[in-house]
Amino acid sequence: MKVIQNIDEYNTYFRQPTLHPLAAVGNLAYADLSLFEPTDFDMYCIVLMDSDFGTLVRDGVSIGYTAGTIFSLRPGQEVHMDLTPDVPPRGWMLVFRKELLEKCGLGRDFYMFEYFFHDMPDALTLTTGEREAILRSFSNLLTELHAPTDNLRNHMLRLHIGVLLSYCKRFFERQFSEHLKDSNDFAEQLHSLISNYITSGQAAKLGQPTVAWCAAQFSLSPNYFGDLVKQQMHITAKELIKQKVIQTAQRLLTTTTMNVSEIAQELGFNYPNHFTRMFCNHTGQSPTQYRAAHLSKR
């Protein structure tokens, strides 16, 4: 795997001059094909794929895409294309270095663009109008990059990048909302998934279910899965797992004669005191107190 060290090196793959030290736009049709070998761009990237010219692989996982879709990369991610013979690449690619975000409004607002960390299994599908908006943004960026240098250049460049990133956020949220509409049984599936994991003995063997494990069962990245849980269930994925563990513990305490250590082991805790602490934090009672209070009501 190669690592692109700077904007100059990036531009050599497009046979184009460096117009700014922290940002560049490349036309994939003009890219040296070696650009599509395993690469860490070490920059934030927004890529518009305007043709289906091969298999897209990010961090070892194939990413679904079609012509007219867009995806993002963050520093440290490896990406490559298994090119389809005789199908030329088409599309546009914005790259910008982390330094561009320092001490400016774009950096202050960058937390909004959480899709850089979602690792979606598929590229973002664009409508015709959305694709036109993205292309206008690329065109505006190119115009600004070729503009004469003045004291507003960096400011204008950040503004145009911010507009492109904001469009991506808007379109991502539109697709996210559609995903929610198509997953009305998501909450029910998730509840069953966690309950089955705990009660099937997997927790005792492998430990408590994790957010990453749950996300993998839905073929989603942990970040995207976490946002989906929060949007639809109004709770964090981590807290939801804890609630299911506590509910199972309450059932075991009131319906079995298992002692606290046995219950802790059954639920995937390595140490009983860790289980007791979590139970107390959630119920205000120790497991022993909870069992005694339940028995006194019989």
Protein backbone atom coordinates (compact mmCIF):
# COMPACT_ATOMS: atom_id res chain seq x y z
CA MET A 1 0.00 0.00 0.00
CA LYS A 2 1.25 3.46 -0.87
CA VAL A 3 0.58 6.60 1.16
CA ILE A 4 0.03 9.94 -0.57
CA GLN A 5 2.22 12.29 1.41
CA ASN A 6 0.98 15.68 0.22
CA ILE A 7 -1.02 17.60 -2.38
CA ASP A 8 1.95 17.77 -4.77
CA GLU A 9 2.18 13.99 -4.83
CA TYR A 10 -1.57 13.68 -5.32
CA ASN A 11 -1.47 16.05 -8.29
CA THR A 12 1.27 14.06 -10.03
CA TYR A 13 -1.24 11.23 -10.50
CA PHE A 14 -3.45 13.65 -12.45
CA ARG A 15 -0.58 15.32 -14.33
CA GLN A 16 -1.80 18.70 -13.09
CA PRO A 17 -0.12 21.60 -11.29
CA THR A 18 -0.56 22.24 -7.58
CA LEU A 19 -2.83 25.24 -7.17
CA HIS A 20 -3.11 25.11 -3.38
CA PRO A 21 -0.94 23.31 -0.81
CA LEU A 22 -3.87 21.95 1.23
CA ALA A 23 -6.58 21.02 -1.31
CA ALA A 24 -7.02 19.71 -4.85
CA VAL A 25 -9.68 18.41 -7.23
CA GLY A 26 -8.89 15.61 -9.64
CA ASN A 27 -10.77 14.39 -12.72
CA LEU A 28 -10.66 10.59 -12.53
CA ALA A 29 -10.71 10.36 -16.33
CA TYR A 30 -7.19 11.85 -16.36
CA ALA A 31 -5.79 9.87 -13.44
CA ASP A 32 -2.80 7.59 -13.79
CA LEU A 33 -4.20 4.08 -13.32
CA SER A 34 -1.69 3.40 -10.55
CA LEU A 35 -3.80 5.76 -8.42
CA PHE A 36 -6.34 2.95 -8.14
CA GLU A 37 -3.89 0.54 -6.53
CA PRO A 38 -4.09 0.18 -2.70
CA THR A 39 -3.64 3.71 -1.38
CA ASP A 40 -3.97 5.70 1.81
CA PHE A 41 -4.55 9.29 0.71
CA ASP A 42 -3.89 10.52 4.28
CA MET A 43 -6.48 13.22 3.61
CA TYR A 44 -10.21 13.72 3.70
CA CYS A 45 -11.70 12.77 0.34
CA ILE A 46 -15.06 13.13 -1.39
CA VAL A 47 -15.33 11.00 -4.53
CA LEU A 48 -18.08 11.14 -7.16
CA MET A 49 -18.19 7.93 -9.20
CA ASP A 50 -19.65 8.75 -12.61
CA SER A 51 -19.21 5.29 -14.12
CA ASP A 52 -19.00 1.70 -12.93
CA PHE A 53 -15.38 0.94 -13.80
CA GLY A 54 -14.48 -1.78 -11.31
CA THR A 55 -14.82 -3.14 -7.81
CA LEU A 56 -14.36 -0.54 -5.07
CA VAL A 57 -12.65 -1.82 -1.91
CA ARG A 58 -12.19 0.23 1.28
CA ASP A 59 -10.24 -1.20 4.22
CA GLY A 60 -10.58 -4.66 2.71
CA VAL A 61 -14.38 -4.47 2.31
CA SER A 62 -16.14 -4.12 -1.06
CA ILE A 63 -18.29 -0.98 -1.26
CA GLY A 64 -21.43 -1.12 -3.37
CA TYR A 65 -21.74 1.72 -5.87
CA THR A 66 -23.19 2.59 -9.26
CA ALA A 67 -22.65 5.47 -11.65
CA GLY A 68 -23.76 8.67 -9.96
CA THR A 69 -22.92 7.74 -6.38
CA ILE A 70 -20.57 9.38 -3.92
CA PHE A 71 -18.45 8.17 -1.03
CA SER A 72 -16.02 9.61 1.49
CA LEU A 73 -12.63 8.67 2.90
CA ARG A 74 -10.81 9.85 5.99
CA PRO A 75 -7.06 9.87 6.69
CA GLY A 76 -5.73 6.40 7.38
CA GLN A 77 -8.22 4.46 5.26
CA GLU A 78 -6.95 2.25 2.46
CA VAL A 79 -8.86 2.20 -0.81
CA HIS A 80 -8.32 0.54 -4.18
CA MET A 81 -10.18 -0.38 -7.34
CA ASP A 82 -10.10 -3.71 -9.14
CA LEU A 83 -10.47 -2.08 -12.53
CA THR A 84 -12.71 -3.49 -15.24
CA PRO A 85 -10.72 -3.85 -18.49
CA ASP A 86 -11.60 -1.37 -21.25
CA VAL A 87 -13.90 0.67 -18.97
CA PRO A 88 -12.31 4.09 -18.38
CA PRO A 89 -12.68 5.72 -14.95
CA ARG A 90 -15.03 8.68 -14.76
CA GLY A 91 -15.72 10.96 -11.83
CA TRP A 92 -14.31 13.67 -9.58
CA MET A 93 -12.30 13.60 -6.39
CA LEU A 94 -11.78 16.34 -3.81
CA VAL A 95 -8.96 15.92 -1.32
CA PHE A 96 -8.04 18.27 1.50
CA ARG A 97 -5.51 18.01 4.29
CA LYS A 98 -6.34 18.15 7.99
CA GLU A 99 -4.40 21.39 8.29
CA LEU A 100 -7.11 23.15 6.26
CA LEU A 101 -9.46 22.69 9.24
CA GLU A 102 -7.25 24.43 11.76
CA LYS A 103 -8.44 27.66 13.43
CA CYS A 104 -11.36 28.32 11.08
CA GLY A 105 -15.12 27.99 10.81
CA LEU A 106 -14.89 24.84 8.68
CA GLY A 107 -12.87 23.15 11.41
CA ARG A 108 -15.27 24.32 14.11
CA ASP A 109 -18.25 22.89 12.20
CA PHE A 110 -16.52 19.74 10.96
CA TYR A 111 -18.18 17.63 13.67
CA MET A 112 -21.37 17.93 11.58
CA PHE A 113 -19.89 15.78 8.84
CA GLU A 114 -19.97 12.54 10.81
CA TYR A 115 -20.47 10.49 7.63
CA PHE A 116 -16.67 10.46 7.23
CA PHE A 117 -16.70 7.97 10.14
CA HIS A 118 -19.73 5.86 9.23
CA ASP A 119 -17.99 3.44 6.83
CA MET A 120 -21.22 2.80 4.97
CA PRO A 121 -21.39 -0.53 3.09
CA ASP A 122 -22.70 1.30 0.02
CA ALA A 123 -21.90 4.61 -1.60
CA LEU A 124 -24.45 7.41 -1.28
CA THR A 125 -26.98 7.24 -4.11
CA LEU A 126 -27.75 10.61 -5.67
CA THR A 127 -30.86 11.79 -7.49
CA THR A 128 -30.36 13.66 -10.77
CA GLY A 129 -30.79 16.99 -9.00
CA GLU A 130 -28.42 16.03 -6.19
CA ARG A 131 -25.74 14.94 -8.68
CA GLU A 132 -26.06 18.29 -10.45
CA ALA A 133 -25.58 20.10 -7.12
CA ILE A 134 -22.45 18.05 -6.42
CA LEU A 135 -21.07 18.76 -9.89
CA ARG A 136 -21.68 22.50 -9.40
CA SER A 137 -19.75 22.31 -6.15
CA PHE A 138 -16.81 20.62 -7.86
CA SER A 139 -16.96 23.26 -10.60
CA ASN A 140 -16.97 26.08 -8.04
CA LEU A 141 -14.00 24.52 -6.26
CA LEU A 142 -12.06 24.29 -9.52
CA THR A 143 -12.88 27.91 -10.30
CA GLU A 144 -11.64 29.02 -6.88
CA LEU A 145 -8.48 26.92 -7.12
CA HIS A 146 -7.64 28.62 -10.44
CA ALA A 147 -8.49 32.12 -9.17
CA PRO A 148 -5.68 34.62 -8.55
CA THR A 149 -4.25 34.46 -5.05
CA ASP A 150 -5.57 37.14 -2.69
CA ASN A 151 -6.35 37.53 1.00
CA LEU A 152 -9.77 35.86 0.58
CA ARG A 153 -8.55 32.76 -1.22
CA ASN A 154 -8.36 30.39 1.76
CA HIS A 155 -11.64 31.70 3.13
CA MET A 156 -13.44 31.15 -0.18
CA LEU A 157 -11.91 27.72 -0.65
CA ARG A 158 -13.10 26.62 2.80
CA LEU A 159 -16.56 28.01 2.08
CA HIS A 160 -16.84 25.99 -1.15
CA ILE A 161 -15.59 22.84 0.56
CA GLY A 162 -18.09 23.45 3.35
CA VAL A 163 -20.92 23.72 0.80
CA LEU A 164 -19.92 20.42 -0.82
CA LEU A 165 -19.67 18.67 2.54
CA SER A 166 -23.02 20.15 3.59
CA TYR A 167 -24.68 18.85 0.43
CA CYS A 168 -23.28 15.41 1.22
CA LYS A 169 -24.68 15.66 4.74
CA ARG A 170 -28.11 16.65 3.42
CA PHE A 171 -28.17 13.80 0.92
CA PHE A 172 -26.87 11.33 3.49
CA GLU A 173 -29.63 12.33 5.92
CA ARG A 174 -32.19 11.90 3.13
CA GLN A 175 -30.92 8.37 2.49
CA PHE A 176 -30.73 7.77 6.24
CA SER A 177 -34.40 8.74 6.63
CA GLU A 178 -35.35 6.38 3.81
CA HIS A 179 -33.42 3.61 5.55
CA LEU A 180 -35.39 4.25 8.73
CA LYS A 181 -38.69 4.03 6.82
CA ASP A 182 -37.60 0.70 5.36
CA SER A 183 -36.63 -0.73 8.75
CA ASN A 184 -39.78 -0.53 10.84
CA ASP A 185 -38.95 -3.89 12.40
CA PHE A 186 -35.37 -2.86 13.17
CA ALA A 187 -36.03 -2.35 16.87
CA GLU A 188 -37.82 -5.69 17.19
CA GLN A 189 -35.01 -7.49 15.36
CA LEU A 190 -32.39 -5.85 17.55
CA HIS A 191 -34.17 -6.70 20.80
CA SER A 192 -34.47 -10.33 19.69
CA LEU A 193 -30.86 -10.43 18.53
CA ILE A 194 -29.47 -9.25 21.88
CA SER A 195 -31.83 -11.42 23.93
CA ASN A 196 -30.98 -14.53 21.92
CA TYR A 197 -27.27 -13.84 22.28
CA ILE A 198 -27.52 -13.57 26.05
CA THR A 199 -29.90 -16.48 26.65
CA SER A 200 -28.28 -18.89 24.17
CA GLY A 201 -25.10 -19.16 26.22
CA GLN A 202 -22.99 -17.04 23.87
CA ALA A 203 -22.54 -14.37 26.52
CA ALA A 204 -21.18 -16.94 28.98
CA LYS A 205 -18.72 -18.21 26.37
CA LEU A 206 -17.79 -15.02 24.49
CA GLY A 207 -18.64 -12.13 26.82
CA GLN A 208 -21.39 -9.54 26.60
CA PRO A 209 -22.63 -8.47 23.16
CA THR A 210 -20.83 -5.39 21.85
CA VAL A 211 -22.00 -2.56 19.63
CA ALA A 212 -19.59 -3.76 16.94
CA TRP A 213 -21.00 -7.29 17.10
CA CYS A 214 -24.59 -6.05 16.83
CA ALA A 215 -23.68 -3.77 13.93
CA ALA A 216 -22.04 -6.65 12.08
CA GLN A 217 -25.26 -8.68 12.29
CA PHE A 218 -26.95 -5.94 10.24
CA SER A 219 -23.92 -5.51 7.92
CA LEU A 220 -23.46 -1.94 9.18
CA SER A 221 -20.51 -0.04 10.56
CA PRO A 222 -20.62 0.56 14.34
CA ASN A 223 -20.95 4.33 13.83
CA TYR A 224 -23.81 4.06 11.36
CA PHE A 225 -25.51 1.38 13.46
CA GLY A 226 -25.19 3.61 16.54
CA ASP A 227 -26.83 6.52 14.74
CA LEU A 228 -29.62 4.25 13.50
CA VAL A 229 -30.35 3.02 17.04
CA LYS A 230 -30.30 6.57 18.41
CA GLN A 231 -32.58 7.91 15.66
CA GLN A 232 -35.14 5.14 15.85
CA MET A 233 -35.00 4.05 19.50
CA HIS A 234 -33.90 7.29 21.22
CA ILE A 235 -31.17 5.54 23.18
CA THR A 236 -27.51 4.78 22.54
CA ALA A 237 -26.65 1.29 21.35
CA LYS A 238 -24.38 0.78 24.36
CA GLU A 239 -27.12 1.75 26.79
CA LEU A 240 -29.61 -0.50 25.00
CA ILE A 241 -27.29 -3.48 25.46
CA LYS A 242 -26.90 -2.66 29.14
CA GLN A 243 -30.68 -2.49 29.54
CA LYS A 244 -31.10 -5.92 27.98
CA VAL A 245 -28.40 -7.34 30.24
CA ILE A 246 -30.07 -5.86 33.34
CA GLN A 247 -33.51 -7.12 32.28
CA THR A 248 -32.12 -10.62 31.86
CA ALA A 249 -30.38 -10.37 35.24
CA GLN A 250 -33.66 -9.34 36.88
CA ARG A 251 -35.42 -12.31 35.35
CA LEU A 252 -32.71 -14.72 36.50
CA LEU A 253 -32.74 -13.25 40.01
CA THR A 254 -36.51 -13.69 40.35
CA THR A 255 -37.08 -16.97 38.52
CA THR A 256 -34.00 -19.09 39.34
CA THR A 257 -31.92 -20.07 42.34
CA MET A 258 -28.64 -19.15 40.61
CA ASN A 259 -26.33 -17.17 42.89
CA VAL A 260 -24.93 -13.76 41.91
CA SER A 261 -21.61 -15.19 40.68
CA GLU A 262 -23.40 -17.70 38.45
CA ILE A 263 -25.65 -15.02 37.01
CA ALA A 264 -22.66 -12.74 36.37
CA GLN A 265 -20.92 -15.55 34.49
CA GLU A 266 -24.07 -16.37 32.52
CA LEU A 267 -24.30 -12.74 31.40
CA GLY A 268 -20.68 -12.57 30.23
CA PHE A 269 -19.02 -10.76 33.15
CA ASN A 270 -15.50 -11.85 34.03
CA TYR A 271 -15.87 -10.62 37.60
CA PRO A 272 -19.05 -10.71 39.73
CA ASN A 273 -18.27 -7.32 41.29
CA HIS A 274 -18.42 -5.71 37.82
CA PHE A 275 -21.90 -7.16 37.36
CA THR A 276 -22.97 -6.00 40.84
CA ARG A 277 -21.70 -2.47 40.20
CA MET A 278 -23.57 -2.15 36.89
CA PHE A 279 -26.75 -3.62 38.40
CA CYS A 280 -26.61 -1.14 41.30
CA ASN A 281 -26.03 1.79 38.95
CA HIS A 282 -29.12 0.88 36.91
CA THR A 283 -31.54 -0.27 39.61
CA GLY A 284 -30.36 1.41 42.81
CA GLN A 285 -30.17 -2.00 44.48
CA SER A 286 -27.61 -4.77 44.64
CA PRO A 287 -28.62 -8.08 43.00
CA THR A 288 -29.10 -9.60 46.46
CA GLN A 289 -31.29 -6.71 47.61
CA TYR A 290 -33.33 -6.88 44.40
CA ARG A 291 -33.95 -10.63 44.85
CA ALA A 292 -34.88 -10.18 48.53
CA ALA A 293 -37.32 -7.35 47.75
CA HIS A 294 -38.98 -9.43 45.05
CA LEU A 295 -39.32 -12.46 47.34
CA SER A 296 -40.83 -10.33 50.12
CA LYS A 297 -43.70 -9.35 47.80
CA ARG A 298 -44.80 -12.92 47.24
